[in-house]
Amino acid sequence: MKKFLSFSLSAFCLILISCGSNNGNTEDSGAANNSSEVAGNSNPSAKTDINKDPNYQKGLALVAKNGCFTCHKVDGESTGPAYVKVANKYDDNDANINMLAQKVISGGSGHWGTVPMIPHPTVSLADAKQMVKYVLMLRTKK
């Protein structure tokens, strides 16, 4: 019964998240400011090195704007995998950026457990790639 309730609650949360608005406008200076608290969970030394990088700033703003921190944390357990785990699994190259951006847009399942990632069809390919670049910058293993 606990598994059913947990799964039902997770599914309900995913449905609520998928109903969030995204008007396609990528210019949102408030998103970067509001997301700095969430990004504070990341590795401090890595954040210090990358926080001024435009790819980091743009990606963080888009991740925050699109509600991704509802299911993902930078480092730690949540509904979806921690971004650090994703970054450590995939090399930062064009093939992986394209593949992961497509997963952001179309959703996916089976790679990180039983809870599927909902599709985000209103996110443009360019924005999805920017979000993936941000995530891959969080890599901790060398």
Protein backbone atom coordinates (compact mmCIF):
# COMPACT_ATOMS: atom_id res chain seq x y z
CA MET A 1 0.00 0.00 0.00
CA LYS A 2 2.89 2.36 0.81
CA LYS A 3 4.41 1.77 -2.64
CA PHE A 4 1.08 2.54 -4.30
CA LEU A 5 0.63 5.75 -2.30
CA SER A 6 4.21 6.81 -2.97
CA PHE A 7 3.85 6.13 -6.69
CA SER A 8 0.48 7.90 -6.81
CA LEU A 9 1.91 10.93 -5.06
CA SER A 10 4.90 10.99 -7.43
CA ALA A 11 2.65 10.69 -10.47
CA PHE A 12 0.40 13.48 -9.17
CA CYS A 13 3.43 15.74 -8.63
CA LEU A 14 4.67 15.02 -12.14
CA ILE A 15 1.28 15.92 -13.59
CA LEU A 16 1.25 19.19 -11.65
CA ILE A 17 4.74 20.01 -12.88
CA SER A 18 3.87 19.27 -16.48
CA CYS A 19 1.01 21.74 -16.28
CA GLY A 20 3.39 24.61 -15.47
CA SER A 21 3.53 27.45 -17.93
CA ASN A 22 6.35 28.17 -20.31
CA ASN A 23 5.71 30.92 -22.77
CA GLY A 24 8.90 30.15 -24.69
CA ASN A 25 10.53 33.41 -23.65
CA THR A 26 14.09 32.67 -22.56
CA GLU A 27 14.81 36.17 -21.27
CA ASP A 28 14.04 36.10 -17.58
CA SER A 29 16.54 37.79 -15.35
CA GLY A 30 14.45 36.95 -12.30
CA ALA A 31 14.92 33.22 -12.83
CA ALA A 32 18.66 33.46 -12.29
CA ASN A 33 18.18 35.46 -9.11
CA ASN A 34 15.49 33.16 -7.74
CA SER A 35 17.47 30.02 -8.54
CA SER A 36 20.66 31.02 -6.76
CA GLU A 37 19.34 29.56 -3.52
CA VAL A 38 18.65 26.22 -5.19
CA ALA A 39 22.01 26.21 -6.93
CA GLY A 40 23.65 26.73 -3.54
CA ASN A 41 23.33 22.97 -3.01
CA SER A 42 26.11 22.38 -5.54
CA ASN A 43 29.74 21.69 -4.85
CA PRO A 44 31.06 25.07 -3.61
CA SER A 45 34.45 24.82 -5.34
CA ALA A 46 32.87 23.79 -8.64
CA LYS A 47 30.31 26.58 -8.35
CA THR A 48 33.03 29.16 -7.69
CA ASP A 49 34.86 28.07 -10.84
CA ILE A 50 31.84 28.05 -13.14
CA ASN A 51 29.26 30.50 -11.77
CA LYS A 52 30.40 33.33 -14.06
CA ASP A 53 30.29 31.18 -17.19
CA PRO A 54 27.46 32.34 -19.50
CA ASN A 55 26.43 28.72 -20.22
CA TYR A 56 26.12 28.11 -16.48
CA GLN A 57 24.10 31.27 -15.87
CA LYS A 58 21.75 30.81 -18.86
CA GLY A 59 21.25 27.11 -18.15
CA LEU A 60 20.58 27.68 -14.46
CA ALA A 61 18.01 30.34 -15.27
CA LEU A 62 16.23 28.02 -17.73
CA VAL A 63 16.30 25.06 -15.34
CA ALA A 64 14.78 27.21 -12.61
CA LYS A 65 12.24 28.83 -14.94
CA ASN A 66 11.00 25.46 -16.21
CA GLY A 67 10.52 23.97 -12.73
CA CYS A 68 13.23 21.33 -13.07
CA PHE A 69 14.30 21.76 -9.44
CA THR A 70 10.93 20.35 -8.43
CA CYS A 71 12.10 16.85 -9.40
CA HIS A 72 15.88 17.28 -9.46
CA LYS A 73 18.46 18.58 -7.03
CA VAL A 74 21.98 19.57 -7.87
CA ASP A 75 23.34 16.98 -5.46
CA GLY A 76 21.13 14.64 -3.47
CA GLU A 77 18.16 12.35 -3.71
CA SER A 78 14.89 13.52 -5.21
CA THR A 79 12.25 12.25 -7.64
CA GLY A 80 14.73 12.47 -10.50
CA PRO A 81 18.48 11.92 -10.49
CA ALA A 82 20.78 14.54 -9.01
CA TYR A 83 22.30 16.72 -11.69
CA VAL A 84 25.78 15.84 -10.45
CA LYS A 85 25.04 12.15 -11.13
CA VAL A 86 23.85 12.97 -14.64
CA ALA A 87 26.95 15.08 -15.24
CA ASN A 88 29.21 12.31 -13.98
CA LYS A 89 27.51 9.74 -16.22
CA TYR A 90 27.68 11.65 -19.52
CA ASP A 91 30.70 13.28 -21.13
CA ASP A 92 30.29 16.88 -22.23
CA ASN A 93 30.17 16.46 -26.00
CA ASP A 94 27.78 17.41 -28.81
CA ALA A 95 26.33 13.89 -29.13
CA ASN A 96 25.38 13.72 -25.44
CA ILE A 97 24.11 17.31 -25.37
CA ASN A 98 21.81 16.56 -28.32
CA MET A 99 20.63 13.23 -26.86
CA LEU A 100 19.93 14.67 -23.41
CA ALA A 101 18.22 17.75 -24.85
CA GLN A 102 15.87 15.44 -26.76
CA LYS A 103 15.13 13.60 -23.49
CA VAL A 104 14.25 16.91 -21.82
CA ILE A 105 11.79 17.65 -24.61
CA SER A 106 10.30 14.19 -25.15
CA GLY A 107 10.68 12.69 -21.67
CA GLY A 108 12.11 9.32 -20.83
CA SER A 109 12.17 6.40 -18.46
CA GLY A 110 14.22 3.45 -17.33
CA HIS A 111 17.64 5.09 -17.09
CA TRP A 112 17.39 6.33 -13.48
CA GLY A 113 14.69 4.17 -11.92
CA THR A 114 10.98 3.61 -12.34
CA VAL A 115 9.66 7.18 -12.24
CA PRO A 116 9.54 8.54 -15.80
CA MET A 117 10.63 12.05 -16.66
CA ILE A 118 7.70 13.92 -18.09
CA PRO A 119 8.06 15.48 -21.53
CA HIS A 120 8.60 19.22 -21.85
CA PRO A 121 7.36 19.85 -25.40
CA THR A 122 7.20 23.63 -24.97
CA VAL A 123 10.95 23.85 -24.30
CA SER A 124 12.82 24.74 -27.49
CA LEU A 125 15.73 22.59 -28.61
CA ALA A 126 18.10 25.53 -28.09
CA ASP A 127 16.86 26.03 -24.52
CA ALA A 128 17.02 22.29 -23.77
CA LYS A 129 20.64 22.22 -24.99
CA GLN A 130 21.46 25.20 -22.77
CA MET A 131 19.90 23.42 -19.79
CA VAL A 132 21.92 20.28 -20.53
CA LYS A 133 25.13 22.31 -20.80
CA TYR A 134 24.44 23.70 -17.33
CA VAL A 135 23.89 20.21 -15.93
CA LEU A 136 27.05 18.82 -17.54
CA MET A 137 29.08 21.66 -16.03
CA LEU A 138 28.29 20.22 -12.58
CA ARG A 139 30.55 17.19 -13.17
CA THR A 140 32.56 16.29 -10.06
CA LYS A 141 34.50 13.21 -11.16
CA LYS A 142 37.59 13.76 -13.23
